[in-house]
Amino acid sequence: MKYSKVVFILIAIFTIVVSCKEDEKAIIKTESIAFKKEGSLKIVQQETDSILASLDIEIADNEYETATGLMYRSSMEAKQAMLFIFEDVAMRSFYMKNTEIALDILYIDDNKKIVSFQKNAQPFNESGLSSKVPAKYVLEINAGMSDKWKLAIGDSIAYEKTP
């Protein structure tokens, strides 16, 4: 009699654990985050002062937005970008954790000049992508756009926040 109670209790515990685990899996769901235009940005060629690109930007200027960036997004339009604004000039390092789209990452100094690139950063790659020099801003654009627009070290940005 005592043996059958123990077996019954073990079977009941096993059933509860298994059913809870299955329910947990059914609930987990991630939602894509939509682009939210918060400003506009122009990239200007250093030598000629001509505009190389005009973009709608989403701005990451607080701790949460900076940590999240473009994670959980399945796409971004060619004329869209994310601008990260930091309070200080320092070495920067980004990674592609939970980022589904390939990106070019532009590191920009406090004079709003491009100081380095990380081209074609691969989705989900968690390797650090260093600025190699101090930067105050970081601009993320779709992979390949920096070559398409022929961006170079020394080109500059000008941006405005949407009121």
Protein backbone atom coordinates (compact mmCIF):
# COMPACT_ATOMS: atom_id res chain seq x y z
CA MET A 1 0.00 0.00 0.00
CA LYS A 2 2.78 2.42 0.96
CA TYR A 3 4.66 1.64 -2.29
CA SER A 4 1.62 2.44 -4.45
CA LYS A 5 1.17 5.88 -2.77
CA VAL A 6 4.79 6.79 -3.54
CA VAL A 7 4.39 5.70 -7.18
CA PHE A 8 1.13 7.65 -7.46
CA ILE A 9 2.76 10.82 -6.02
CA LEU A 10 5.76 10.51 -8.37
CA ILE A 11 3.48 10.08 -11.40
CA ALA A 12 1.41 13.10 -10.32
CA ILE A 13 4.51 15.30 -9.90
CA PHE A 14 5.89 14.18 -13.27
CA THR A 15 2.58 14.95 -14.99
CA ILE A 16 2.41 18.44 -13.46
CA VAL A 17 6.02 19.26 -14.41
CA VAL A 18 5.58 18.08 -18.01
CA SER A 19 2.28 19.93 -18.50
CA CYS A 20 3.71 23.17 -17.06
CA LYS A 21 6.74 22.96 -19.35
CA GLU A 22 4.53 22.51 -22.44
CA ASP A 23 2.34 25.47 -21.47
CA GLU A 24 5.45 27.65 -21.06
CA LYS A 25 6.66 26.91 -24.59
CA ALA A 26 3.28 27.75 -26.09
CA ILE A 27 3.27 31.24 -24.51
CA ILE A 28 6.77 32.45 -25.53
CA LYS A 29 6.50 34.84 -28.46
CA THR A 30 8.62 37.76 -29.73
CA GLU A 31 7.19 40.67 -31.67
CA SER A 32 9.03 42.71 -34.26
CA ILE A 33 9.56 46.37 -33.34
CA ALA A 34 8.43 48.95 -35.91
CA PHE A 35 10.64 51.86 -37.01
CA LYS A 36 9.64 55.16 -35.40
CA LYS A 37 10.87 58.31 -37.17
CA GLU A 38 12.33 60.68 -34.58
CA GLY A 39 14.37 62.90 -36.85
CA SER A 40 16.24 63.32 -40.11
CA LEU A 41 19.94 63.07 -40.90
CA LYS A 42 22.15 64.02 -43.82
CA ILE A 43 25.56 62.57 -44.58
CA VAL A 44 27.79 65.16 -46.26
CA GLN A 45 30.94 64.44 -48.28
CA GLN A 46 33.98 66.12 -46.76
CA GLU A 47 35.64 67.29 -49.98
CA THR A 48 32.67 68.64 -51.95
CA ASP A 49 30.09 69.43 -49.25
CA SER A 50 27.56 67.45 -51.32
CA ILE A 51 24.86 65.38 -49.63
CA LEU A 52 25.60 61.67 -49.99
CA ALA A 53 22.47 60.42 -48.20
CA SER A 54 19.33 61.77 -46.54
CA LEU A 55 17.83 59.48 -43.90
CA ASP A 56 14.91 59.18 -41.52
CA ILE A 57 16.34 58.29 -38.13
CA GLU A 58 15.26 56.66 -34.94
CA ILE A 59 17.27 58.01 -32.01
CA ALA A 60 18.72 55.95 -29.17
CA ASP A 61 19.67 58.38 -26.43
CA ASN A 62 18.86 56.59 -23.19
CA GLU A 63 20.20 53.42 -21.58
CA TYR A 64 17.34 51.12 -22.67
CA GLU A 65 17.27 52.33 -26.29
CA THR A 66 21.05 52.13 -26.51
CA ALA A 67 21.10 48.56 -25.17
CA THR A 68 18.24 47.43 -27.46
CA GLY A 69 19.15 49.29 -30.67
CA LEU A 70 17.86 47.47 -33.75
CA MET A 71 17.34 44.13 -32.00
CA TYR A 72 14.23 42.12 -32.88
CA ARG A 73 13.68 43.87 -36.22
CA SER A 74 13.25 41.85 -39.37
CA SER A 75 14.05 44.71 -41.76
CA MET A 76 14.82 48.39 -42.18
CA GLU A 77 14.20 50.54 -45.25
CA ALA A 78 17.23 51.77 -47.24
CA LYS A 79 16.61 55.40 -46.22
CA GLN A 80 16.20 54.59 -42.52
CA ALA A 81 18.86 54.43 -39.80
CA MET A 82 19.36 54.43 -36.05
CA LEU A 83 21.47 57.16 -34.47
CA PHE A 84 22.96 56.48 -31.04
CA ILE A 85 23.79 59.63 -29.09
CA PHE A 86 26.16 59.32 -26.13
CA GLU A 87 26.92 61.93 -23.47
CA ASP A 88 30.68 61.55 -23.81
CA VAL A 89 33.38 60.77 -26.35
CA ALA A 90 34.78 57.29 -25.67
CA MET A 91 35.77 54.02 -27.27
CA ARG A 92 32.59 52.25 -28.44
CA SER A 93 31.90 48.59 -29.08
CA PHE A 94 28.70 47.20 -30.57
CA TYR A 95 27.55 43.65 -31.24
CA MET A 96 24.73 42.04 -33.20
CA LYS A 97 23.04 40.00 -30.47
CA ASN A 98 19.35 39.50 -31.37
CA THR A 99 19.81 41.68 -34.46
CA GLU A 100 18.24 40.03 -37.50
CA ILE A 101 19.54 42.36 -40.23
CA ALA A 102 23.10 42.91 -41.48
CA LEU A 103 24.35 46.43 -40.77
CA ASP A 104 27.10 48.92 -41.50
CA ILE A 105 28.08 50.67 -38.27
CA LEU A 106 29.52 54.19 -38.55
CA TYR A 107 31.41 55.66 -35.59
CA ILE A 108 31.30 59.46 -35.43
CA ASP A 109 33.25 61.94 -33.26
CA ASP A 110 31.99 64.98 -31.33
CA ASN A 111 32.55 67.16 -34.43
CA LYS A 112 30.07 64.87 -36.25
CA LYS A 113 32.79 63.47 -38.54
CA ILE A 114 32.94 59.77 -39.42
CA VAL A 115 36.03 58.33 -37.71
CA SER A 116 35.64 54.58 -38.41
CA PHE A 117 33.40 51.89 -39.90
CA GLN A 118 32.39 48.33 -39.21
CA LYS A 119 30.96 47.15 -42.52
CA ASN A 120 28.60 44.22 -43.04
CA ALA A 121 28.11 43.31 -39.36
CA GLN A 122 26.46 39.89 -39.46
CA PRO A 123 23.10 39.11 -37.82
CA PHE A 124 23.25 37.47 -34.38
CA ASN A 125 27.07 37.70 -34.19
CA GLU A 126 28.01 38.53 -30.61
CA SER A 127 31.63 39.51 -31.34
CA GLY A 128 32.51 43.04 -30.27
CA LEU A 129 32.78 45.54 -33.14
CA SER A 130 35.09 48.29 -31.90
CA SER A 131 35.16 51.91 -32.98
CA LYS A 132 38.99 51.71 -32.78
CA VAL A 133 38.98 55.44 -31.94
CA PRO A 134 36.83 57.48 -29.54
CA ALA A 135 33.31 58.34 -30.77
CA LYS A 136 30.28 60.25 -29.49
CA TYR A 137 27.72 59.05 -32.07
CA VAL A 138 27.07 55.75 -33.78
CA LEU A 139 24.94 55.41 -36.91
CA GLU A 140 23.57 52.02 -37.97
CA ILE A 141 22.50 51.65 -41.59
CA ASN A 142 21.72 48.64 -43.77
CA ALA A 143 24.78 46.63 -44.77
CA GLY A 144 26.29 47.75 -48.06
CA MET A 145 24.93 51.29 -47.95
CA SER A 146 28.24 52.85 -46.87
CA ASP A 147 29.86 51.44 -50.03
CA LYS A 148 26.86 52.35 -52.20
CA TRP A 149 26.99 55.95 -50.97
CA LYS A 150 30.82 55.95 -51.12
CA LEU A 151 31.17 57.11 -47.50
CA ALA A 152 34.66 57.88 -46.24
CA ILE A 153 36.47 58.75 -43.04
CA GLY A 154 36.05 62.52 -42.59
CA ASP A 155 32.56 62.74 -44.11
CA SER A 156 30.14 64.34 -41.67
CA ILE A 157 26.56 64.13 -40.44
CA ALA A 158 23.97 66.76 -39.61
CA TYR A 159 20.75 65.76 -37.90
CA GLU A 160 17.55 67.29 -36.56
CA LYS A 161 15.13 65.77 -34.06
CA THR A 162 11.49 65.78 -35.08
CA PRO A 163 9.56 68.21 -32.85
